[in-house]
Amino acid sequence: MMTDASAVRPVSDVGQDDIILPFSVEPLDVRGRVVRLGSSLDIVLSQHGYPEPVARLLGEAAVLTVLLGSALKFDGRFQLQTRTDGVVDMLVVDFEAPDKLRGLARFDAARLDALQASGGQNSAQLLGRGHLALTIDQGPDMSRYQGVVALEGQGLEEAGHQYFRQSEQIPTVVRLAIAESITSGGKNWRAGGLLVQFLPDSPERRRIPEISPGDAPGGAAPESTFIEDDAWSEAKALAGTVEDHELVDPTLSSERLLYRLFHERGVKVFEPQSVRHQCRCSQARVESMLRNFTRDERRDMVGDNGRIGVTCEFCSVHRDFDPADFDPPDAGAN
C-alpha cells in the first residue's frame, strides 16, 4: 500500500506541512508513509468551531484517512465514516486522490458536556460502540470496495490496526497525533501520522497471528505457535519509539523524523505529495442535486426570502437558488 515513487531525493531539514512522504527501509522489507497536516486540517476544523475533544477526534480521523487514501494509484475517493452510539455519533472524512481533503463530525453537545464533567474525553469514549467503514470509490463505472471494523471501545489508532489485520492482512503499525499550536497568528490545528508496513516478497514471512474465533474450549492450547519475522519485530520496535510531539513538531522535518527512527538500517525517502483542503461541493453539483427533488419538495424548501438555501455540511458554504430556475411559471400565467 504505497504510492509509486521511484526517485530518491535529498534529505530536508525544513519542516513542511500538508505533505505525504513515502519511504522505505529495504533491509527490513518495510515501506510506509509519514503525513503532516497543517492548514489543510485547520480549515476543516475551524469551519465548524468544534469543541476541542471533537476537533481532536476529527483530526485523528483526517490523518488516518490520508495515510490510507494516499495509497490509491488511480483517481478515486477514499472515505472514512463512523456510525456509533457515542457522543460523536458520526465522522466522515473524504480523501480524493491525489490531494483533496474534507471532513465533518456530528456530536451531541449535552452528552459531550456530561462526559467532560465526568473527566472523560478520549477518542474511545467519544466514539462509543458501532462501526468504522473504509470505502474506496473508483468512479461510477467501477465497483466499490469497503472494509468494516467494529468499534467496541477502542480508538481510531487501534481501529486502523484492526483494519489491516482483518481486511488487508498486512503487518502494519499506525500512529496518529494531533495538537493545537499557538502562534502569533492565533491558535492552529496540526496533526501527524506514521504508517509502517512489512512487505517482504515471501507471503510466508508476511503471516500475521490468526484472529481467535473466541469459541475455543476453556484451557485449550492454540494449534500452533506463531513466530513473528525478526525483521518485522525490529521494524515494529523502532516505529514504536516515535513520540506524539515528534509527529506534530513543526521544526522537525519528516525526513529527520524517519532518520531518527530507522537510521541504523538506512531509510530512503521519495518525492512528497501535497495535501490541501477542498470540498467537492459546487454551484453546479448542488443545483443538480436539487433537480432530483419533486416540484412540491422544492416548494417546501423555499425560505422567507423566496429562495432555496443550501448549506454544505462539509465546508459550511451557503448557496441560494431561485425556485423559478427549476420550476418556471406555467405558460400564459399572469
Protein backbone atom coordinates (compact mmCIF):
# COMPACT_ATOMS: atom_id res chain seq x y z
CA MET A 1 0.00 0.00 0.00
CA MET A 2 2.48 2.57 -1.16
CA THR A 3 2.25 5.06 -3.99
CA ASP A 4 4.63 4.59 -6.88
CA ALA A 5 7.73 6.64 -6.16
CA SER A 6 10.99 5.94 -7.94
CA ALA A 7 13.19 8.99 -7.44
CA VAL A 8 15.12 9.17 -4.19
CA ARG A 9 15.51 12.79 -3.08
CA PRO A 10 17.92 14.65 -0.75
CA VAL A 11 17.12 14.83 2.94
CA SER A 12 15.43 18.06 4.01
CA ASP A 13 15.89 19.75 7.37
CA VAL A 14 12.94 22.06 6.76
CA GLY A 15 9.68 21.13 8.43
CA GLN A 16 6.85 21.06 5.92
CA ASP A 17 3.11 20.79 6.49
CA ASP A 18 0.39 19.31 4.31
CA ILE A 19 2.55 16.61 2.75
CA ILE A 20 2.62 12.84 2.41
CA LEU A 21 6.17 11.47 2.42
CA PRO A 22 6.65 7.86 1.20
CA PHE A 23 9.67 5.94 2.47
CA SER A 24 11.23 2.52 2.54
CA VAL A 25 13.64 0.64 4.81
CA GLU A 26 14.89 -2.03 2.44
CA PRO A 27 16.96 -4.13 4.91
CA LEU A 28 13.76 -4.64 6.95
CA ASP A 29 11.41 -5.05 3.95
CA VAL A 30 9.43 -2.09 5.25
CA ARG A 31 7.58 0.62 3.38
CA GLY A 32 5.32 3.37 4.63
CA ARG A 33 4.31 7.00 4.75
CA VAL A 34 4.58 9.99 7.05
CA VAL A 35 1.73 12.50 6.91
CA ARG A 36 1.91 16.06 8.24
CA LEU A 37 -1.26 18.18 8.17
CA GLY A 38 -1.32 21.92 8.87
CA SER A 39 -3.59 24.44 7.17
CA SER A 40 -5.49 21.71 5.30
CA LEU A 41 -6.64 20.31 8.65
CA ASP A 42 -7.02 23.67 10.38
CA ILE A 43 -9.54 24.74 7.73
CA VAL A 44 -11.57 21.57 8.21
CA LEU A 45 -11.73 22.05 11.98
CA SER A 46 -12.11 25.84 12.13
CA GLN A 47 -15.01 25.98 9.66
CA HIS A 48 -17.34 24.47 12.25
CA GLY A 49 -15.79 25.66 15.51
CA TYR A 50 -15.83 22.18 17.01
CA PRO A 51 -15.23 21.78 20.75
CA GLU A 52 -11.64 20.70 21.42
CA PRO A 53 -12.34 16.97 22.05
CA VAL A 54 -14.41 16.70 18.87
CA ALA A 55 -11.79 18.60 16.85
CA ARG A 56 -9.07 16.26 18.10
CA LEU A 57 -11.09 13.18 17.14
CA LEU A 58 -11.89 14.51 13.67
CA GLY A 59 -8.21 15.45 13.28
CA GLU A 60 -7.17 11.87 14.06
CA ALA A 61 -9.72 10.62 11.53
CA ALA A 62 -8.32 13.00 8.90
CA VAL A 63 -4.75 11.80 9.41
CA LEU A 64 -5.82 8.15 9.27
CA THR A 65 -7.79 8.80 6.08
CA VAL A 66 -4.83 10.47 4.36
CA LEU A 67 -2.45 7.70 5.48
CA LEU A 68 -4.72 5.08 3.92
CA GLY A 69 -6.15 7.03 0.99
CA SER A 70 -2.77 8.17 -0.30
CA ALA A 71 -2.10 4.56 -1.31
CA LEU A 72 -4.55 4.92 -4.21
CA LYS A 73 -2.80 4.57 -7.56
CA PHE A 74 -5.72 5.97 -9.54
CA ASP A 75 -8.02 8.98 -9.44
CA GLY A 76 -10.64 7.97 -6.94
CA ARG A 77 -12.01 8.69 -3.50
CA PHE A 78 -11.19 7.12 -0.15
CA GLN A 79 -13.74 7.71 2.59
CA LEU A 80 -13.66 7.01 6.31
CA GLN A 81 -17.03 7.01 8.06
CA THR A 82 -18.11 6.04 11.56
CA ARG A 83 -21.61 5.36 12.86
CA THR A 84 -21.77 4.79 16.60
CA ASP A 85 -23.82 5.28 19.75
CA GLY A 86 -21.20 7.63 21.20
CA VAL A 87 -21.11 11.35 21.88
CA VAL A 88 -19.67 11.75 18.38
CA ASP A 89 -22.09 9.52 16.53
CA MET A 90 -20.74 10.22 13.03
CA LEU A 91 -17.42 11.12 11.43
CA VAL A 92 -16.97 11.48 7.68
CA VAL A 93 -13.61 12.21 6.03
CA ASP A 94 -13.04 12.19 2.27
CA PHE A 95 -9.67 11.99 0.59
CA GLU A 96 -9.96 12.49 -3.17
CA ALA A 97 -6.77 11.35 -4.89
CA PRO A 98 -4.26 12.70 -5.25
CA ASP A 99 -4.56 15.55 -2.73
CA LYS A 100 -8.04 16.81 -1.72
CA LEU A 101 -9.24 16.55 1.90
CA ARG A 102 -12.52 17.39 3.62
CA GLY A 103 -14.33 16.17 6.73
CA LEU A 104 -17.11 16.68 9.25
CA ALA A 105 -18.26 15.43 12.65
CA ARG A 106 -21.71 15.17 14.23
CA PHE A 107 -21.96 15.20 18.01
CA ASP A 108 -24.34 15.65 20.93
CA ALA A 109 -23.33 18.82 22.81
CA ALA A 110 -25.21 17.91 26.00
CA ARG A 111 -23.64 14.46 26.18
CA LEU A 112 -20.23 15.97 25.50
CA ASP A 113 -20.62 18.36 28.43
CA ALA A 114 -21.62 15.47 30.69
CA LEU A 115 -18.67 13.35 29.53
CA GLN A 116 -16.20 16.18 30.12
CA ALA A 117 -17.70 16.83 33.56
CA SER A 118 -17.01 13.19 34.45
CA GLY A 119 -13.38 13.55 33.34
CA GLY A 120 -13.62 11.57 30.10
CA GLN A 121 -12.98 12.77 26.57
CA ASN A 122 -10.53 10.43 24.85
CA SER A 123 -11.32 9.15 21.38
CA ALA A 124 -12.57 5.76 22.53
CA GLN A 125 -15.01 7.38 24.95
CA LEU A 126 -16.21 9.85 22.34
CA LEU A 127 -16.80 7.15 19.73
CA GLY A 128 -18.56 4.53 21.81
CA ARG A 129 -19.73 1.41 20.00
CA GLY A 130 -20.67 0.96 16.37
CA HIS A 131 -18.60 0.56 13.22
CA LEU A 132 -15.94 2.19 11.10
CA ALA A 133 -16.31 1.85 7.32
CA LEU A 134 -13.41 2.47 4.92
CA THR A 135 -14.59 2.82 1.33
CA ILE A 136 -12.65 3.03 -1.94
CA ASP A 137 -14.71 4.62 -4.71
CA GLN A 138 -13.09 4.30 -8.14
CA GLY A 139 -15.87 6.14 -10.00
CA PRO A 140 -19.33 5.40 -11.40
CA ASP A 141 -18.13 2.66 -13.77
CA MET A 142 -16.28 0.66 -11.12
CA SER A 143 -17.44 -1.34 -8.12
CA ARG A 144 -16.73 -0.02 -4.64
CA TYR A 145 -14.57 -1.76 -2.09
CA GLN A 146 -15.46 -1.43 1.57
CA GLY A 147 -13.81 -2.69 4.73
CA VAL A 148 -15.71 -2.54 8.03
CA VAL A 149 -14.24 -2.56 11.52
CA ALA A 150 -16.34 -2.98 14.65
CA LEU A 151 -15.83 -0.19 17.16
CA GLU A 152 -16.10 -1.70 20.62
CA GLY A 153 -14.46 0.84 22.85
CA GLN A 154 -11.17 1.29 21.00
CA GLY A 155 -9.82 4.50 19.47
CA LEU A 156 -9.09 5.21 15.81
CA GLU A 157 -5.44 4.19 16.02
CA GLU A 158 -6.32 0.71 17.23
CA ALA A 159 -9.17 0.55 14.69
CA GLY A 160 -6.59 1.19 11.97
CA HIS A 161 -4.52 -1.74 13.21
CA GLN A 162 -7.62 -3.91 13.32
CA TYR A 163 -8.48 -2.99 9.72
CA PHE A 164 -5.11 -4.19 8.44
CA ARG A 165 -5.27 -7.38 10.49
CA GLN A 166 -8.73 -8.29 9.24
CA SER A 167 -9.09 -6.82 5.74
CA GLU A 168 -5.60 -6.37 4.32
CA GLN A 169 -3.72 -8.98 6.38
CA ILE A 170 -0.56 -6.89 6.18
CA PRO A 171 1.60 -6.43 9.30
CA THR A 172 1.16 -2.72 9.98
CA VAL A 173 1.91 -0.06 12.57
CA VAL A 174 -0.26 3.06 12.64
CA ARG A 175 0.48 6.13 14.77
CA LEU A 176 -1.70 9.24 14.98
CA ALA A 177 -1.10 12.52 16.82
CA ILE A 178 -2.80 15.92 16.90
CA ALA A 179 -2.03 19.20 18.63
CA GLU A 180 -3.27 22.76 18.81
CA SER A 181 -0.35 25.15 18.42
CA ILE A 182 -0.30 28.80 19.44
CA THR A 183 1.49 31.23 17.16
CA SER A 184 1.49 34.99 16.61
CA GLY A 185 -1.42 34.42 14.25
CA GLY A 186 -3.50 32.64 16.91
CA LYS A 187 -4.34 29.00 17.52
CA ASN A 188 -3.89 26.50 14.73
CA TRP A 189 -4.51 22.77 14.49
CA ARG A 190 -1.85 20.45 13.15
CA ALA A 191 -1.54 16.68 13.07
CA GLY A 192 0.84 13.92 12.08
CA GLY A 193 0.72 10.25 11.31
CA LEU A 194 3.03 7.35 10.60
CA LEU A 195 2.19 4.15 8.73
CA VAL A 196 4.75 1.34 8.58
CA GLN A 197 4.09 -1.91 6.71
CA PHE A 198 6.00 -5.17 6.38
CA LEU A 199 6.02 -6.16 2.69
CA PRO A 200 8.61 -8.88 2.01
CA ASP A 201 8.50 -10.85 -1.22
CA SER A 202 7.68 -14.07 0.60
CA PRO A 203 3.99 -14.39 1.60
CA GLU A 204 5.04 -16.76 4.36
CA ARG A 205 7.08 -14.01 6.03
CA ARG A 206 4.04 -11.71 5.96
CA ARG A 207 2.00 -14.06 8.08
CA ILE A 208 0.14 -12.50 10.99
CA PRO A 209 -1.32 -14.21 14.06
CA GLU A 210 -4.68 -15.80 13.39
CA ILE A 211 -7.59 -13.97 14.97
CA SER A 212 -9.11 -16.11 17.68
CA PRO A 213 -12.75 -17.06 16.95
CA GLY A 214 -13.44 -16.75 20.66
CA ASP A 215 -15.24 -20.12 20.90
CA ALA A 216 -12.36 -22.46 21.82
CA PRO A 217 -12.94 -24.63 24.91
CA GLY A 218 -11.53 -23.25 28.11
CA GLY A 219 -7.88 -24.16 28.61
CA ALA A 220 -7.46 -25.31 25.02
CA ALA A 221 -3.96 -24.72 23.65
CA PRO A 222 -3.52 -22.99 20.29
CA GLU A 223 -2.92 -25.34 17.36
CA SER A 224 0.45 -23.76 16.55
CA THR A 225 2.81 -21.19 17.98
CA PHE A 226 3.13 -18.07 15.86
CA ILE A 227 6.69 -16.83 15.37
CA GLU A 228 6.97 -13.27 14.11
CA ASP A 229 9.59 -12.45 11.48
CA ASP A 230 12.69 -10.90 13.05
CA ALA A 231 12.80 -8.04 10.55
CA TRP A 232 9.23 -7.05 11.35
CA SER A 233 9.84 -7.35 15.08
CA GLU A 234 12.73 -4.91 14.73
CA ALA A 235 10.78 -2.51 12.48
CA LYS A 236 7.84 -2.53 14.91
CA ALA A 237 10.12 -1.82 17.85
CA LEU A 238 11.78 1.10 16.05
CA ALA A 239 8.46 2.58 14.88
CA GLY A 240 7.12 2.20 18.40
CA THR A 241 9.65 4.69 19.73
CA VAL A 242 8.05 7.64 17.91
CA GLU A 243 6.51 10.21 20.27
CA ASP A 244 3.36 12.24 19.67
CA HIS A 245 5.28 15.51 19.88
CA GLU A 246 7.65 14.35 17.13
CA LEU A 247 4.75 13.74 14.75
CA VAL A 248 3.41 17.29 15.22
CA ASP A 249 6.64 19.25 15.73
CA PRO A 250 6.74 21.95 13.00
CA THR A 251 10.52 22.30 13.37
CA LEU A 252 11.20 18.60 12.79
CA SER A 253 11.11 17.61 9.13
CA SER A 254 9.53 14.31 8.12
CA GLU A 255 12.93 13.22 6.77
CA ARG A 256 14.68 13.88 10.07
CA LEU A 257 11.92 12.06 11.93
CA LEU A 258 12.43 8.99 9.75
CA TYR A 259 16.19 9.25 10.22
CA ARG A 260 15.70 9.19 14.00
CA LEU A 261 13.64 6.02 13.71
CA PHE A 262 15.49 4.00 11.09
CA HIS A 263 18.98 5.42 10.54
CA GLU A 264 20.67 2.27 11.78
CA ARG A 265 19.15 0.33 8.90
CA GLY A 266 19.10 3.05 6.27
CA VAL A 267 15.88 4.76 5.21
CA LYS A 268 15.07 6.08 1.73
CA VAL A 269 12.56 8.87 1.18
CA PHE A 270 10.78 9.68 -2.06
CA GLU A 271 9.01 12.64 -3.65
CA PRO A 272 6.34 14.03 -1.30
CA GLN A 273 2.72 14.52 -2.28
CA SER A 274 0.92 17.68 -1.19
CA VAL A 275 -2.43 17.74 0.62
CA ARG A 276 -4.97 20.56 0.50
CA HIS A 277 -8.44 21.23 1.78
CA GLN A 278 -11.02 21.28 -0.96
CA CYS A 279 -14.70 20.46 -0.75
CA ARG A 280 -16.42 18.56 -3.56
CA CYS A 281 -19.46 20.83 -3.47
CA SER A 282 -20.09 23.44 -6.19
CA GLN A 283 -22.94 25.52 -7.55
CA ALA A 284 -23.46 23.01 -10.36
CA ARG A 285 -23.39 19.94 -8.07
CA VAL A 286 -25.91 21.42 -5.64
CA GLU A 287 -28.17 22.53 -8.49
CA SER A 288 -28.07 19.03 -9.94
CA MET A 289 -28.97 17.59 -6.53
CA LEU A 290 -31.96 19.94 -6.19
CA ARG A 291 -33.28 18.85 -9.58
CA ASN A 292 -33.64 15.33 -8.20
CA PHE A 293 -36.40 16.56 -5.87
CA THR A 294 -40.02 16.94 -6.96
CA ARG A 295 -41.58 20.34 -7.52
CA ASP A 296 -43.55 20.05 -4.26
CA GLU A 297 -40.42 19.10 -2.32
CA ARG A 298 -38.57 22.11 -3.69
CA ARG A 299 -41.51 24.35 -2.84
CA ASP A 300 -41.21 23.23 0.79
CA MET A 301 -37.54 24.30 0.74
CA VAL A 302 -38.28 27.92 -0.17
CA GLY A 303 -37.36 30.26 2.68
CA ASP A 304 -38.80 33.57 3.82
CA ASN A 305 -36.64 35.35 1.26
CA GLY A 306 -38.33 33.45 -1.55
CA ARG A 307 -35.22 31.44 -2.41
CA ILE A 308 -33.94 27.91 -1.78
CA GLY A 309 -30.94 27.99 0.54
CA VAL A 310 -28.46 25.11 0.82
CA THR A 311 -25.50 25.00 3.21
CA CYS A 312 -22.78 22.37 2.64
CA GLU A 313 -22.30 20.20 5.72
CA PHE A 314 -18.59 19.87 4.99
CA CYS A 315 -17.41 23.38 4.21
CA SER A 316 -20.33 25.48 5.54
CA VAL A 317 -20.62 27.41 2.24
CA HIS A 318 -24.17 28.71 1.77
CA ARG A 319 -25.73 28.95 -1.69
CA ASP A 320 -29.08 30.46 -2.73
CA PHE A 321 -31.15 29.36 -5.69
CA ASP A 322 -34.15 30.93 -7.43
CA PRO A 323 -37.08 28.43 -7.47
CA ALA A 324 -38.02 29.71 -10.92
CA ASP A 325 -34.77 28.26 -12.28
CA PHE A 326 -36.20 24.79 -11.57
CA ASP A 327 -39.94 25.38 -12.00
CA PRO A 328 -40.66 28.21 -14.45
CA PRO A 329 -44.17 29.68 -14.30
CA ASP A 330 -46.73 27.94 -16.50
CA ALA A 331 -47.11 29.42 -19.96
CA GLY A 332 -49.78 32.09 -20.02
CA ALA A 333 -49.72 32.63 -16.25
CA ASN A 334 -50.02 36.21 -15.04
